[in-house]
Protein backbone atom coordinates (compact mmCIF):
# COMPACT_ATOMS: atom_id res chain seq x y z
CA MET A 1 34.93 0.17 -63.80
CA LYS A 2 37.15 0.34 -66.84
CA ARG A 3 37.08 -2.43 -69.36
CA LYS A 4 39.79 -5.08 -69.10
CA TYR A 5 41.26 -7.01 -71.97
CA LEU A 6 44.29 -8.54 -70.19
CA TYR A 7 43.64 -9.81 -66.48
CA PRO A 8 45.83 -10.24 -63.50
CA ALA A 9 45.98 -13.62 -62.10
CA ASP A 10 47.07 -15.60 -58.94
CA ILE A 11 50.37 -16.65 -60.58
CA MET A 12 52.18 -19.49 -58.95
CA LEU A 13 56.05 -19.74 -59.07
CA PRO A 14 58.61 -22.13 -57.72
CA LYS A 15 60.31 -21.14 -54.52
CA LYS A 16 63.72 -22.07 -55.89
CA GLY A 17 65.42 -24.05 -58.59
CA PHE A 18 64.26 -22.16 -61.77
CA GLU A 19 67.05 -23.54 -64.00
CA LYS A 20 65.68 -27.04 -63.56
CA TRP A 21 62.06 -25.93 -63.24
CA ALA A 22 61.51 -24.14 -66.58
CA VAL A 23 61.11 -26.66 -69.56
CA VAL A 24 60.43 -25.84 -73.31
CA ALA A 25 56.93 -26.09 -74.65
CA CYS A 26 55.60 -29.61 -75.09
CA ASP A 27 55.19 -29.38 -78.85
CA GLN A 28 58.94 -28.93 -79.57
CA TYR A 29 61.50 -31.41 -80.56
CA THR A 30 58.99 -34.08 -81.24
CA SER A 31 61.24 -36.17 -83.42
CA GLU A 32 64.34 -35.56 -81.45
CA PRO A 33 64.53 -38.05 -78.31
CA ASP A 34 68.11 -36.98 -77.50
CA TYR A 35 66.96 -33.43 -76.68
CA TRP A 36 64.34 -34.94 -74.24
CA ASN A 37 66.93 -37.42 -72.86
CA ALA A 38 69.20 -34.59 -72.06
CA VAL A 39 66.45 -32.61 -70.16
CA GLU A 40 65.55 -35.80 -68.15
CA SER A 41 69.24 -36.29 -67.31
CA PHE A 42 69.63 -32.43 -66.16
CA VAL A 43 66.45 -32.27 -64.26
CA GLY A 44 66.97 -35.48 -62.24
CA GLU A 45 64.64 -35.73 -59.27
CA ASP A 46 64.19 -32.09 -58.56
CA PRO A 47 60.87 -30.26 -59.07
CA SER A 48 60.46 -29.42 -62.75
CA THR A 49 57.69 -28.59 -65.14
CA LEU A 50 58.81 -31.61 -67.03
CA ARG A 51 56.96 -33.56 -64.45
CA ILE A 52 53.71 -31.63 -64.64
CA THR A 53 53.52 -31.46 -68.56
CA LEU A 54 53.42 -33.93 -71.21
CA PRO A 55 56.01 -33.61 -73.94
CA GLU A 56 54.34 -34.74 -77.24
CA ILE A 57 57.24 -37.02 -78.03
CA TYR A 58 55.63 -39.28 -75.38
CA LEU A 59 52.28 -39.38 -77.02
CA SER A 60 52.64 -42.93 -77.95
CA GLY A 61 52.49 -45.80 -75.52
CA ASN A 62 50.45 -45.65 -72.30
CA VAL A 63 49.56 -41.96 -72.45
CA GLN A 64 46.85 -42.17 -69.68
CA GLU A 65 49.46 -43.50 -67.24
CA ARG A 66 51.60 -40.47 -67.98
CA ILE A 67 48.54 -38.03 -67.61
CA ASP A 68 47.70 -39.55 -64.25
CA ARG A 69 51.24 -39.19 -63.17
CA VAL A 70 51.29 -35.41 -64.38
CA ASN A 71 48.01 -34.73 -62.30
CA ALA A 72 49.55 -36.42 -59.26
CA ASN A 73 52.62 -34.52 -59.47
CA MET A 74 50.81 -31.28 -59.76
CA LYS A 75 48.81 -32.18 -56.58
CA SER A 76 51.92 -33.05 -54.87
CA TYR A 77 53.79 -29.79 -55.80
CA VAL A 78 50.84 -27.89 -54.53
CA GLU A 79 50.53 -29.77 -51.25
CA ASN A 80 54.36 -29.96 -50.44
CA GLY A 81 55.02 -26.20 -50.75
CA VAL A 82 56.84 -26.15 -53.99
CA PHE A 83 55.01 -22.97 -55.08
CA GLU A 84 54.62 -19.42 -53.88
CA THR A 85 51.58 -17.68 -55.04
CA PHE A 86 51.46 -14.04 -56.05
CA GLU A 87 47.95 -12.73 -56.17
CA ASN A 88 46.56 -10.47 -58.66
CA SER A 89 49.67 -10.35 -60.72
CA MET A 90 50.94 -9.72 -64.17
CA ILE A 91 54.62 -10.28 -65.12
CA TYR A 92 56.63 -8.26 -67.52
CA VAL A 93 59.13 -10.73 -69.32
CA GLU A 94 62.25 -10.18 -71.18
CA ARG A 95 63.59 -13.16 -72.83
CA GLU A 96 66.92 -13.60 -74.57
CA ILE A 97 66.54 -15.75 -77.67
CA SER A 98 69.17 -17.39 -79.96
CA SER A 99 69.94 -14.35 -81.97
CA GLY A 100 70.93 -12.42 -78.84
CA GLU A 101 68.03 -10.08 -79.08
CA ILE A 102 65.48 -9.54 -76.33
CA ARG A 103 61.73 -10.55 -76.64
CA HIS A 104 59.43 -8.28 -74.48
CA GLY A 105 56.07 -9.72 -73.25
CA ILE A 106 53.54 -9.57 -70.52
CA VAL A 107 52.15 -12.73 -68.74
CA GLY A 108 48.51 -12.35 -67.76
CA ALA A 109 45.10 -13.92 -68.05
CA LEU A 110 42.68 -13.82 -71.15
CA ASP A 111 38.92 -14.25 -70.93
CA LEU A 112 38.08 -17.42 -72.90
CA THR A 113 34.57 -16.25 -73.53
CA GLU A 114 36.11 -13.66 -75.92
CA TYR A 115 37.94 -16.24 -78.05
CA ASP A 116 36.64 -18.26 -80.91
CA TRP A 117 38.87 -20.36 -83.00
CA HIS A 118 36.36 -20.97 -85.71
CA PRO A 119 37.17 -19.55 -89.19
CA GLY A 120 35.62 -16.19 -89.93
CA ALA A 121 35.08 -15.47 -86.06
CA LYS A 122 34.80 -11.72 -85.23
CA SER A 123 35.89 -12.23 -81.67
CA LEU A 124 38.43 -10.18 -79.63
CA ILE A 125 40.94 -13.07 -79.60
CA ARG A 126 41.38 -15.19 -82.74
CA ALA A 127 42.98 -18.16 -83.83
CA THR A 128 45.84 -17.79 -86.50
CA GLU A 129 45.86 -21.40 -87.85
CA GLN A 130 43.24 -24.06 -88.71
CA THR A 131 42.36 -25.82 -85.79
CA VAL A 132 42.51 -29.67 -86.19
CA ILE A 133 39.45 -30.96 -84.39
CA GLU A 134 41.18 -34.38 -83.75
CA ARG A 135 43.98 -32.80 -81.91
CA ILE A 136 41.64 -31.26 -79.17
CA PRO A 137 40.42 -34.45 -77.37
CA PRO A 138 43.80 -35.82 -76.50
CA ARG A 139 44.80 -32.43 -74.99
CA VAL A 140 41.48 -32.27 -73.13
CA GLU A 141 42.24 -35.51 -71.56
CA ILE A 142 45.49 -34.05 -70.35
CA ARG A 143 43.77 -30.73 -69.03
CA LYS A 144 40.36 -31.91 -67.73
CA ASN A 145 41.42 -33.22 -64.41
CA ALA A 146 44.55 -31.10 -64.13
CA PRO A 147 44.47 -28.79 -60.98
CA LEU A 148 46.86 -26.29 -62.62
CA GLU A 149 47.68 -24.87 -66.11
CA LEU A 150 51.09 -23.88 -67.38
CA PRO A 151 51.20 -21.59 -70.38
CA HIS A 152 53.33 -21.86 -73.36
CA ILE A 153 50.77 -19.76 -75.49
CA LEU A 154 52.14 -16.56 -76.95
CA ILE A 155 49.45 -13.99 -77.92
CA LEU A 156 50.14 -11.22 -80.55
CA ILE A 157 49.15 -7.59 -80.57
CA ASP A 158 49.61 -5.37 -83.48
CA ASP A 159 51.09 -2.28 -81.80
CA PRO A 160 53.30 -0.37 -84.16
CA GLU A 161 53.88 2.42 -81.68
CA ASN A 162 54.81 -0.07 -78.90
CA LYS A 163 52.27 1.67 -76.61
CA VAL A 164 51.46 -1.36 -74.45
CA LEU A 165 55.08 -2.77 -73.68
CA GLY A 166 57.17 0.27 -74.25
CA ALA A 167 56.59 1.92 -70.91
CA LEU A 168 57.41 -1.24 -69.19
CA GLU A 169 61.01 -1.56 -70.39
CA SER A 170 61.84 1.90 -69.04
CA ALA A 171 60.15 1.22 -65.66
CA LYS A 172 61.51 -2.13 -64.80
CA SER A 173 64.10 -0.70 -62.40
CA GLU A 174 61.06 0.14 -60.29
CA MET A 175 59.59 -3.25 -60.45
CA LYS A 176 59.87 -6.19 -58.03
CA LYS A 177 61.98 -8.90 -59.75
CA ALA A 178 59.95 -12.20 -60.08
CA TYR A 179 62.80 -14.27 -61.56
CA GLY A 180 66.09 -14.10 -63.41
CA PHE A 181 67.97 -17.26 -64.74
CA ASP A 182 69.53 -18.98 -67.60
CA LEU A 183 67.23 -21.48 -69.48
CA MET A 184 68.35 -25.02 -70.06
CA GLN A 185 69.83 -26.50 -73.18
CA SER A 186 71.58 -23.26 -74.16
CA SER A 187 68.23 -21.55 -74.74
CA GLY A 188 69.13 -17.99 -73.58
CA HIS A 189 68.13 -16.06 -70.48
CA ILE A 190 64.84 -14.73 -68.97
CA ASP A 191 63.95 -12.12 -66.46
CA GLY A 192 60.61 -11.40 -65.06
CA TYR A 193 59.18 -8.34 -63.20
CA PHE A 194 55.86 -8.00 -61.20
CA ILE A 195 53.62 -5.15 -62.84
CA ASN A 196 51.96 -2.97 -60.12
CA GLU A 197 48.23 -2.15 -60.28
CA SER A 198 48.58 1.33 -61.85
CA MET A 199 50.72 -0.21 -64.67
CA GLN A 200 48.09 -3.02 -65.20
CA THR A 201 45.41 -0.29 -65.73
CA ALA A 202 47.66 1.65 -68.23
CA ILE A 203 48.26 -1.60 -70.12
CA ASN A 204 44.54 -2.09 -70.63
CA GLU A 205 43.96 1.48 -71.64
CA ALA A 206 46.69 1.14 -74.19
CA LEU A 207 45.11 -2.18 -75.44
CA SER A 208 41.75 -0.51 -75.86
CA THR A 209 43.40 1.65 -78.67
CA LEU A 210 44.51 -1.44 -80.67
CA ILE A 211 41.20 -2.96 -81.33
CA SER A 212 40.55 -3.28 -85.14
CA GLU A 213 37.37 -2.06 -86.82
CA ASP A 214 35.88 -5.67 -86.95
CA GLY A 215 36.75 -6.08 -83.14
CA MET A 216 39.95 -7.88 -83.25
CA LEU A 217 42.71 -7.31 -80.58
CA PHE A 218 44.65 -10.51 -79.95
CA ALA A 219 45.92 -13.12 -82.42
CA VAL A 220 47.23 -16.57 -81.20
CA GLY A 221 50.96 -16.70 -82.22
CA ASP A 222 52.00 -19.93 -80.53
CA GLY A 223 49.60 -22.44 -78.81
CA ASN A 224 46.55 -22.36 -80.95
CA HIS A 225 45.44 -25.88 -80.06
CA SER A 226 46.29 -25.30 -76.36
CA LEU A 227 44.01 -22.26 -76.16
CA ALA A 228 41.25 -24.23 -78.13
CA THR A 229 41.65 -26.88 -75.51
CA ALA A 230 41.30 -24.45 -72.65
CA LYS A 231 38.05 -23.18 -74.28
CA GLU A 232 36.73 -26.56 -74.63
CA CYS A 233 37.44 -27.55 -71.07
CA TYR A 234 35.71 -24.26 -69.73
CA GLU A 235 32.71 -24.96 -71.94
CA ARG A 236 32.35 -28.49 -70.54
CA ASN A 237 32.76 -27.44 -66.92
CA PRO A 238 32.29 -23.62 -66.72
CA SER A 239 33.69 -21.94 -63.57
CA GLU A 240 35.32 -18.53 -62.65
CA MET A 241 38.72 -20.22 -62.53
CA SER A 242 38.44 -22.20 -65.82
CA ARG A 243 37.03 -19.18 -67.63
CA TYR A 244 40.56 -17.74 -68.03
CA ALA A 245 43.77 -18.90 -69.60
CA LEU A 246 47.30 -17.75 -68.68
CA CYS A 247 49.20 -16.41 -71.77
CA GLU A 248 52.06 -14.20 -72.67
CA ILE A 249 51.34 -11.07 -74.84
CA VAL A 250 53.94 -10.02 -77.29
CA ASN A 251 53.96 -7.15 -79.83
CA ILE A 252 54.10 -8.53 -83.39
CA HIS A 253 56.41 -5.51 -84.16
CA ASP A 254 59.09 -6.56 -81.56
CA SER A 255 62.32 -6.55 -83.44
CA SER A 256 63.31 -9.90 -81.91
CA LEU A 257 60.23 -11.50 -83.40
CA VAL A 258 61.01 -13.33 -86.76
CA PHE A 259 58.55 -15.50 -88.43
CA GLU A 260 60.14 -18.84 -89.27
CA PRO A 261 58.67 -21.47 -91.73
CA ILE A 262 57.52 -24.68 -90.20
CA TYR A 263 58.80 -27.37 -92.59
CA ARG A 264 57.22 -30.87 -93.26
CA VAL A 265 58.86 -34.24 -92.91
CA VAL A 266 56.87 -37.15 -94.23
CA PHE A 267 57.61 -40.82 -92.69
CA GLY A 268 56.76 -44.14 -94.04
CA VAL A 269 56.59 -43.37 -97.69
CA SER A 270 58.54 -44.11 -100.83
CA PRO A 271 60.50 -40.97 -101.89
CA GLU A 272 60.15 -41.80 -105.64
CA ASP A 273 56.45 -42.53 -105.55
CA MET A 274 55.85 -39.40 -103.67
CA LEU A 275 57.96 -37.25 -106.16
CA THR A 276 55.88 -38.79 -108.99
CA SER A 277 52.59 -38.01 -107.07
CA ILE A 278 53.37 -34.37 -106.31
CA GLU A 279 54.54 -33.62 -109.83
CA ALA A 280 51.26 -35.01 -111.11
CA TYR A 281 49.21 -33.20 -108.45
CA PHE A 282 50.51 -29.66 -109.21
CA GLY A 283 51.09 -30.32 -112.94
CA ARG A 284 53.29 -28.05 -115.11
CA CYS A 285 54.43 -24.97 -113.27
CA ASP A 286 55.00 -21.41 -114.66
CA ALA A 287 58.46 -20.53 -113.26
CA GLU A 288 57.56 -16.93 -113.04
CA ASN A 289 54.35 -17.44 -110.85
CA GLY A 290 55.17 -20.72 -109.23
CA ARG A 291 56.85 -21.27 -105.82
CA LYS A 292 59.95 -23.24 -105.12
CA VAL A 293 60.00 -26.14 -102.78
CA ARG A 294 63.10 -28.18 -101.98
CA TYR A 295 62.58 -31.93 -101.88
CA LEU A 296 64.94 -33.95 -99.69
CA TYR A 297 65.37 -37.77 -99.36
CA LYS A 298 68.24 -40.16 -98.77
CA GLY A 299 70.98 -37.48 -98.85
CA CYS A 300 69.50 -36.25 -102.33
CA GLU A 301 67.80 -32.95 -102.96
CA LYS A 302 65.47 -31.81 -105.75
CA GLU A 303 64.08 -28.29 -106.40
CA LEU A 304 60.34 -28.36 -107.34
CA CYS A 305 58.22 -25.62 -108.76
CA ILE A 306 54.55 -25.77 -107.67
CA ASP A 307 51.74 -23.55 -108.73
CA THR A 308 49.83 -22.53 -105.59
CA ASN A 309 47.20 -20.39 -107.48
CA GLY A 310 47.99 -17.32 -105.20
CA SER A 311 47.73 -19.13 -101.94
CA LEU A 312 50.64 -19.52 -99.50
CA THR A 313 53.11 -22.27 -100.40
CA VAL A 314 52.61 -24.05 -97.21
CA GLY A 315 48.80 -24.11 -97.70
CA ALA A 316 49.08 -25.67 -101.07
CA LEU A 317 51.77 -28.10 -100.05
CA GLN A 318 49.64 -28.99 -96.94
CA ASN A 319 46.74 -29.87 -99.05
CA PHE A 320 48.86 -32.37 -101.14
CA LEU A 321 50.36 -33.94 -98.13
CA ASP A 322 47.06 -34.43 -96.30
CA SER A 323 45.67 -36.24 -99.41
CA TYR A 324 48.68 -38.30 -99.96
CA VAL A 325 49.17 -39.46 -96.34
CA ASN A 326 45.42 -40.27 -96.08
CA GLU A 327 45.78 -42.64 -99.14
CA HIS A 328 49.03 -44.42 -97.90
CA GLU A 329 48.81 -46.53 -94.85
CA GLY A 330 51.63 -46.00 -92.45
CA ALA A 331 52.58 -42.50 -93.73
CA SER A 332 52.69 -39.67 -91.31
CA ILE A 333 53.74 -36.07 -91.27
CA ASP A 334 55.83 -34.21 -88.67
CA TYR A 335 56.32 -30.42 -88.38
CA ILE A 336 59.85 -29.36 -88.05
CA HIS A 337 61.71 -26.11 -87.11
CA GLY A 338 65.12 -25.70 -88.83
CA GLU A 339 66.47 -26.75 -92.19
CA ASP A 340 69.29 -28.75 -90.63
CA VAL A 341 66.87 -30.91 -88.80
CA VAL A 342 64.80 -31.45 -91.90
CA ALA A 343 67.91 -32.46 -93.78
CA LYS A 344 69.08 -34.91 -91.02
CA LEU A 345 65.73 -36.62 -90.69
CA SER A 346 65.36 -37.09 -94.46
CA GLU A 347 68.46 -39.07 -94.53
CA LYS A 348 66.40 -41.95 -92.99
CA GLU A 349 64.73 -44.64 -95.24
CA ASN A 350 61.23 -43.91 -96.49
CA THR A 351 61.37 -40.40 -95.32
CA VAL A 352 60.95 -37.01 -97.27
CA GLY A 353 61.61 -33.52 -96.14
CA PHE A 354 60.09 -30.34 -97.63
CA ILE A 355 61.82 -26.89 -97.25
CA PHE A 356 60.19 -23.61 -98.55
CA ASP A 357 59.88 -19.90 -97.91
CA GLY A 358 57.58 -18.66 -95.19
CA MET A 359 55.09 -15.84 -94.76
CA LYS A 360 56.12 -12.29 -93.58
CA LYS A 361 54.90 -11.31 -90.05
CA SER A 362 53.50 -8.03 -91.55
CA GLU A 363 50.98 -10.26 -93.47
CA LEU A 364 49.36 -11.91 -90.43
CA PHE A 365 46.86 -9.44 -89.00
CA PRO A 366 45.57 -8.42 -92.35
CA ALA A 367 45.33 -12.11 -93.43
CA ILE A 368 43.43 -13.09 -90.30
CA MET A 369 40.93 -10.15 -90.66
CA LEU A 370 40.51 -10.83 -94.40
CA ASP A 371 40.58 -14.69 -94.67
CA GLY A 372 40.19 -15.92 -91.27
CA VAL A 373 42.55 -18.67 -90.13
CA LEU A 374 45.67 -19.77 -91.95
CA PRO A 375 46.68 -23.28 -92.83
CA ARG A 376 47.95 -25.22 -89.73
CA LYS A 377 51.59 -24.87 -88.94
CA THR A 378 51.91 -22.02 -91.39
CA PHE A 379 54.75 -20.12 -89.29
CA SER A 380 56.80 -20.37 -86.10
CA MET A 381 58.00 -17.38 -84.14
CA GLY A 382 61.74 -18.35 -83.91
CA HIS A 383 63.57 -21.59 -83.53
CA ALA A 384 62.49 -24.26 -81.24
CA SER A 385 64.96 -23.11 -78.54
CA ASP A 386 63.23 -19.66 -78.56
CA LYS A 387 59.82 -21.00 -77.77
CA ARG A 388 58.25 -20.20 -74.56
CA PHE A 389 59.27 -22.29 -71.48
CA TYR A 390 56.93 -23.35 -68.81
CA ILE A 391 57.55 -21.20 -65.80
CA GLU A 392 54.32 -19.66 -64.41
CA ALA A 393 51.35 -21.86 -63.11
CA ARG A 394 47.71 -21.02 -62.09
CA LYS A 395 45.09 -23.09 -60.56
CA ILE A 396 42.17 -23.81 -62.77
CA LYS A 397 40.37 -26.02 -60.15
């Protein structure tokens, strides 16, 4: 039997109502309650992934009660015939994003035994950002008793000739349609097509040609901590079902794929004290070699020059922010997509926003192979509205 790198899965889809079913990834709009209130209003009482996932904006308060409700809703949806199951499936996806371009992907399962999130790992599947150990236990609490998984994980491949996905685009007229609908909150349109067995074989043959000299094939684009959580849950309770994780594979060379910086907003601090501290932390800056960072607070803006000693701007800045927040009780950091959102949040009292240039997507695979993982929240693949929406489900118990 030929080697597989991407596996088919028994994919579960709702029988109807995709427009209210599909909800954006849980780690988006974490400081924007108006967004989630609008989603609540739109979904109403209809079946929706809003009821079987836990948006991170709700991670305060009685989280265990919400987790229990999520698991109960999953069980109810399965027992009451909300889903139709498509065995041994992969789905070819075309997603219209905010730019109007189409992002192409394949939904399938990855073998978690071939994934290692630790820095310096030489595994087939590798993390792209620093995994924060403290973020895994809360996610394990959500997943450990869940009967289903719903993927928002995007996995990248380095395929300059587009050998893996190119053939699917031209063959989609021959494929059975899985779904096609507009995504809520003006987030574009998505179409899915079932990939037949012969095409699945061709996909794996093409993937085999992309493995790097040190054994790397897949890099986690979005959902690093979600995949690490799936791995942790598998290692705690190994089974054939929990061994795999449903993901979407995307070519890093897809023209729709744009790396966006993930900005920082710090709450519960004195803007004046933080400004003094950051200037002292980085010292005098050589304008020729330094990196520019915009510092926003209470409607004001200042441009800073920081010396990163050759590292990424986001990494140097994060080191400072971690140190500062640890030393100031009540201070916290949020990770924000979009300059306009940073500017709006920074108008609040005791709040500071940071805006800076991001990394280029061509730098990603070489950086992972050379240096291991990047600083956490280094980049985002597009705006928040372009993130993967929960659509497909798979049983993990």
